[in-house]
Amino acid sequence: MGANSDALEKLIAGGLIGAALGALLSKDKEEGAAVGALLGAAISATREAHKAALQTNEPVLVAIKGKLYKLHPDGRKEFLRDLPQSNKSWPQNLVLK
């Protein structure tokens, strides 16, 4: 139960930090806070899941600069393949509506 409680606290902290940053950077403070909170919690959950996966003593797949690697528990990094590049062109700025 302690690990679950710790993970929940980290999710809440990530959401609070994200909310503060979202409100700070957005013209619509309420919407910016909500989006920031979701992003902060998602980033925090992703980081915690990655840490937990590394502790399973099993290989973990990671993408680094367009390449797929298998990270082994002994520290070896095995190249698997190049990942296809996206042909999607993203705008420099996104407008939330």
N, C-alpha and C. Protein backbone atom coordinates (compact mmCIF):
# COMPACT_ATOMS: atom_id res chain seq x y z
N MET A 1 0.84 -1.19 0.00
CA MET A 1 0.00 0.00 0.00
C MET A 1 0.87 1.24 0.00
N GLY A 2 2.06 1.19 0.60
CA GLY A 2 2.95 2.35 0.66
C GLY A 2 3.37 2.81 -0.71
N ALA A 3 3.67 1.87 -1.63
CA ALA A 3 4.10 2.23 -2.98
C ALA A 3 2.95 2.90 -3.73
N ASN A 4 1.73 2.41 -3.56
CA ASN A 4 0.58 3.02 -4.22
C ASN A 4 0.33 4.42 -3.69
N SER A 5 0.47 4.61 -2.41
CA SER A 5 0.29 5.92 -1.80
C SER A 5 1.34 6.90 -2.30
N ASP A 6 2.59 6.43 -2.40
CA ASP A 6 3.68 7.28 -2.89
C ASP A 6 3.42 7.68 -4.35
N ALA A 7 2.97 6.72 -5.16
CA ALA A 7 2.68 7.00 -6.57
C ALA A 7 1.54 8.02 -6.68
N LEU A 8 0.53 7.88 -5.85
CA LEU A 8 -0.60 8.81 -5.87
C LEU A 8 -0.14 10.22 -5.48
N GLU A 9 0.73 10.31 -4.49
CA GLU A 9 1.25 11.61 -4.08
C GLU A 9 2.04 12.26 -5.23
N LYS A 10 2.81 11.47 -5.96
CA LYS A 10 3.58 12.00 -7.09
C LYS A 10 2.66 12.45 -8.22
N LEU A 11 1.58 11.71 -8.46
CA LEU A 11 0.60 12.12 -9.47
C LEU A 11 -0.05 13.44 -9.09
N ILE A 12 -0.40 13.58 -7.84
CA ILE A 12 -1.02 14.82 -7.37
C ILE A 12 -0.04 15.98 -7.50
N ALA A 13 1.20 15.75 -7.09
CA ALA A 13 2.22 16.80 -7.20
C ALA A 13 2.43 17.19 -8.65
N GLY A 14 2.52 16.21 -9.54
CA GLY A 14 2.67 16.50 -10.97
C GLY A 14 1.49 17.29 -11.51
N GLY A 15 0.29 16.93 -11.07
CA GLY A 15 -0.90 17.66 -11.50
C GLY A 15 -0.92 19.08 -10.99
N LEU A 16 -0.49 19.29 -9.75
CA LEU A 16 -0.48 20.64 -9.18
C LEU A 16 0.56 21.53 -9.87
N ILE A 17 1.73 20.97 -10.11
CA ILE A 17 2.77 21.74 -10.81
C ILE A 17 2.32 22.06 -12.22
N GLY A 18 1.75 21.07 -12.90
CA GLY A 18 1.24 21.28 -14.26
C GLY A 18 0.15 22.33 -14.29
N ALA A 19 -0.74 22.30 -13.31
CA ALA A 19 -1.83 23.28 -13.25
C ALA A 19 -1.28 24.69 -13.09
N ALA A 20 -0.30 24.83 -12.22
CA ALA A 20 0.29 26.16 -12.00
C ALA A 20 0.97 26.67 -13.26
N LEU A 21 1.72 25.80 -13.92
CA LEU A 21 2.39 26.22 -15.16
C LEU A 21 1.38 26.51 -16.27
N GLY A 22 0.36 25.68 -16.38
CA GLY A 22 -0.67 25.90 -17.40
C GLY A 22 -1.38 27.22 -17.20
N ALA A 23 -1.71 27.54 -15.97
CA ALA A 23 -2.38 28.82 -15.68
C ALA A 23 -1.46 29.99 -15.96
N LEU A 24 -0.19 29.82 -15.67
CA LEU A 24 0.79 30.88 -15.89
C LEU A 24 0.98 31.17 -17.38
N LEU A 25 0.99 30.11 -18.20
CA LEU A 25 1.30 30.27 -19.62
C LEU A 25 0.08 30.50 -20.51
N SER A 26 -1.11 30.30 -19.99
CA SER A 26 -2.31 30.38 -20.81
C SER A 26 -3.06 31.69 -20.58
N LYS A 27 -3.70 32.17 -21.66
CA LYS A 27 -4.54 33.37 -21.52
C LYS A 27 -5.79 33.04 -20.72
N ASP A 28 -6.38 31.87 -20.97
CA ASP A 28 -7.54 31.41 -20.21
C ASP A 28 -7.01 30.61 -19.03
N LYS A 29 -6.91 31.25 -17.87
CA LYS A 29 -6.26 30.66 -16.71
C LYS A 29 -6.93 29.36 -16.26
N GLU A 30 -8.24 29.31 -16.29
CA GLU A 30 -8.94 28.11 -15.83
C GLU A 30 -8.68 26.93 -16.76
N GLU A 31 -8.79 27.17 -18.05
CA GLU A 31 -8.55 26.10 -19.02
C GLU A 31 -7.07 25.69 -19.00
N GLY A 32 -6.19 26.67 -18.91
CA GLY A 32 -4.76 26.37 -18.86
C GLY A 32 -4.41 25.54 -17.65
N ALA A 33 -5.04 25.82 -16.53
CA ALA A 33 -4.79 25.05 -15.30
C ALA A 33 -5.27 23.61 -15.47
N ALA A 34 -6.43 23.42 -16.09
CA ALA A 34 -6.97 22.07 -16.27
C ALA A 34 -6.08 21.26 -17.22
N VAL A 35 -5.70 21.85 -18.33
CA VAL A 35 -4.84 21.14 -19.29
C VAL A 35 -3.48 20.86 -18.67
N GLY A 36 -2.93 21.85 -17.97
CA GLY A 36 -1.64 21.66 -17.31
C GLY A 36 -1.68 20.58 -16.26
N ALA A 37 -2.78 20.50 -15.52
CA ALA A 37 -2.91 19.47 -14.48
C ALA A 37 -2.92 18.08 -15.11
N LEU A 38 -3.66 17.92 -16.21
CA LEU A 38 -3.69 16.62 -16.89
C LEU A 38 -2.32 16.25 -17.44
N LEU A 39 -1.66 17.21 -18.06
CA LEU A 39 -0.33 16.93 -18.61
C LEU A 39 0.67 16.61 -17.50
N GLY A 40 0.63 17.36 -16.41
CA GLY A 40 1.54 17.12 -15.30
C GLY A 40 1.33 15.74 -14.70
N ALA A 41 0.08 15.35 -14.51
CA ALA A 41 -0.22 14.02 -13.96
C ALA A 41 0.21 12.92 -14.93
N ALA A 42 -0.01 13.13 -16.23
CA ALA A 42 0.37 12.12 -17.22
C ALA A 42 1.89 11.96 -17.28
N ILE A 43 2.62 13.06 -17.24
CA ILE A 43 4.08 12.99 -17.26
C ILE A 43 4.59 12.28 -16.01
N SER A 44 4.01 12.62 -14.88
CA SER A 44 4.42 11.99 -13.62
C SER A 44 4.13 10.49 -13.65
N ALA A 45 2.97 10.09 -14.15
CA ALA A 45 2.62 8.67 -14.23
C ALA A 45 3.55 7.93 -15.18
N THR A 46 3.90 8.57 -16.29
CA THR A 46 4.80 7.95 -17.25
C THR A 46 6.18 7.73 -16.64
N ARG A 47 6.68 8.71 -15.95
CA ARG A 47 8.00 8.60 -15.30
C ARG A 47 7.99 7.48 -14.26
N GLU A 48 6.94 7.39 -13.46
CA GLU A 48 6.85 6.35 -12.43
C GLU A 48 6.72 4.96 -13.06
N ALA A 49 5.96 4.85 -14.14
CA ALA A 49 5.82 3.56 -14.83
C ALA A 49 7.16 3.12 -15.42
N HIS A 50 7.92 4.07 -15.96
CA HIS A 50 9.24 3.75 -16.51
C HIS A 50 10.18 3.23 -15.42
N LYS A 51 10.17 3.92 -14.28
CA LYS A 51 11.01 3.47 -13.16
C LYS A 51 10.61 2.07 -12.70
N ALA A 52 9.31 1.81 -12.61
CA ALA A 52 8.83 0.50 -12.17
C ALA A 52 9.21 -0.58 -13.19
N ALA A 53 9.12 -0.25 -14.48
CA ALA A 53 9.49 -1.22 -15.52
C ALA A 53 10.97 -1.57 -15.44
N LEU A 54 11.82 -0.59 -15.15
CA LEU A 54 13.25 -0.85 -15.05
C LEU A 54 13.57 -1.76 -13.87
N GLN A 55 12.73 -1.76 -12.84
CA GLN A 55 12.98 -2.56 -11.65
C GLN A 55 12.45 -3.99 -11.75
N THR A 56 11.85 -4.36 -12.89
CA THR A 56 11.27 -5.70 -13.04
C THR A 56 12.31 -6.76 -13.37
N ASN A 57 13.54 -6.34 -13.63
CA ASN A 57 14.61 -7.26 -14.01
C ASN A 57 14.34 -7.93 -15.35
N GLU A 58 13.56 -7.25 -16.19
CA GLU A 58 13.26 -7.68 -17.56
C GLU A 58 13.72 -6.59 -18.51
N PRO A 59 14.02 -6.92 -19.77
CA PRO A 59 14.39 -5.89 -20.73
C PRO A 59 13.23 -4.91 -20.95
N VAL A 60 13.59 -3.65 -21.23
CA VAL A 60 12.61 -2.60 -21.46
C VAL A 60 12.90 -1.96 -22.82
N LEU A 61 11.87 -1.72 -23.61
CA LEU A 61 12.03 -1.05 -24.90
C LEU A 61 11.96 0.45 -24.72
N VAL A 62 12.87 1.18 -25.36
CA VAL A 62 12.86 2.64 -25.32
C VAL A 62 13.18 3.18 -26.70
N ALA A 63 12.62 4.33 -27.00
CA ALA A 63 12.91 5.04 -28.24
C ALA A 63 13.81 6.22 -27.90
N ILE A 64 14.95 6.30 -28.60
CA ILE A 64 15.90 7.39 -28.39
C ILE A 64 16.29 7.93 -29.75
N LYS A 65 15.94 9.18 -30.00
CA LYS A 65 16.32 9.87 -31.24
C LYS A 65 15.99 9.05 -32.49
N GLY A 66 14.75 8.55 -32.56
CA GLY A 66 14.29 7.84 -33.75
C GLY A 66 14.78 6.41 -33.88
N LYS A 67 15.35 5.86 -32.83
CA LYS A 67 15.84 4.49 -32.86
C LYS A 67 15.24 3.72 -31.69
N LEU A 68 14.94 2.44 -31.92
CA LEU A 68 14.36 1.58 -30.88
C LEU A 68 15.46 0.72 -30.27
N TYR A 69 15.55 0.75 -28.94
CA TYR A 69 16.56 -0.01 -28.21
C TYR A 69 15.89 -0.90 -27.18
N LYS A 70 16.57 -1.98 -26.84
CA LYS A 70 16.17 -2.82 -25.72
C LYS A 70 17.20 -2.59 -24.62
N LEU A 71 16.75 -2.09 -23.46
CA LEU A 71 17.63 -1.91 -22.31
C LEU A 71 17.55 -3.15 -21.44
N HIS A 72 18.70 -3.78 -21.25
CA HIS A 72 18.78 -5.00 -20.45
C HIS A 72 19.07 -4.65 -18.99
N PRO A 73 18.63 -5.49 -18.06
CA PRO A 73 18.87 -5.23 -16.63
C PRO A 73 20.35 -5.06 -16.28
N ASP A 74 21.25 -5.68 -17.05
CA ASP A 74 22.68 -5.58 -16.76
C ASP A 74 23.30 -4.29 -17.32
N GLY A 75 22.47 -3.43 -17.92
CA GLY A 75 22.96 -2.14 -18.41
C GLY A 75 23.24 -2.10 -19.90
N ARG A 76 23.21 -3.25 -20.58
CA ARG A 76 23.45 -3.26 -22.02
C ARG A 76 22.31 -2.57 -22.75
N LYS A 77 22.63 -1.87 -23.83
CA LYS A 77 21.63 -1.23 -24.69
C LYS A 77 21.75 -1.86 -26.07
N GLU A 78 20.73 -2.60 -26.47
CA GLU A 78 20.75 -3.33 -27.73
C GLU A 78 19.91 -2.59 -28.78
N PHE A 79 20.53 -2.20 -29.89
CA PHE A 79 19.81 -1.54 -30.98
C PHE A 79 18.91 -2.57 -31.66
N LEU A 80 17.64 -2.20 -31.86
CA LEU A 80 16.71 -3.11 -32.54
C LEU A 80 16.43 -2.65 -33.98
N ARG A 81 16.04 -1.37 -34.14
CA ARG A 81 15.76 -0.88 -35.49
C ARG A 81 15.54 0.62 -35.48
N ASP A 82 15.61 1.20 -36.67
CA ASP A 82 15.24 2.60 -36.84
C ASP A 82 13.72 2.69 -36.85
N LEU A 83 13.21 3.72 -36.22
CA LEU A 83 11.76 3.93 -36.23
C LEU A 83 11.39 4.79 -37.42
N PRO A 84 10.24 4.53 -38.04
CA PRO A 84 9.85 5.34 -39.20
C PRO A 84 9.63 6.79 -38.77
N GLN A 85 10.07 7.69 -39.63
CA GLN A 85 9.87 9.11 -39.33
C GLN A 85 8.44 9.49 -39.64
N SER A 86 7.91 10.40 -38.83
CA SER A 86 6.55 10.88 -39.04
C SER A 86 6.54 11.86 -40.20
N ASN A 87 5.55 11.74 -41.05
CA ASN A 87 5.40 12.71 -42.13
C ASN A 87 4.43 13.83 -41.73
N LYS A 88 4.04 13.82 -40.48
CA LYS A 88 3.13 14.84 -39.96
C LYS A 88 3.91 16.12 -39.68
N SER A 89 3.42 17.21 -40.16
CA SER A 89 4.04 18.51 -39.91
C SER A 89 3.25 19.23 -38.82
N TRP A 90 3.87 19.42 -37.68
CA TRP A 90 3.20 20.05 -36.53
C TRP A 90 3.47 21.55 -36.55
N PRO A 91 2.45 22.35 -36.24
CA PRO A 91 2.66 23.80 -36.16
C PRO A 91 3.55 24.18 -34.97
N GLN A 92 4.23 25.31 -35.08
CA GLN A 92 5.07 25.77 -33.99
C GLN A 92 4.26 26.07 -32.74
N ASN A 93 3.06 26.64 -32.90
CA ASN A 93 2.19 26.99 -31.78
C ASN A 93 0.85 26.31 -31.95
N LEU A 94 0.33 25.79 -30.88
CA LEU A 94 -1.00 25.18 -30.88
C LEU A 94 -1.96 26.11 -30.15
N VAL A 95 -3.16 26.22 -30.67
CA VAL A 95 -4.17 27.07 -30.05
C VAL A 95 -5.24 26.17 -29.43
N LEU A 96 -5.42 26.29 -28.13
CA LEU A 96 -6.45 25.52 -27.44
C LEU A 96 -7.76 26.28 -27.54
N LYS A 97 -8.82 25.60 -27.92
CA LYS A 97 -10.13 26.25 -28.03
C LYS A 97 -11.11 25.66 -27.06
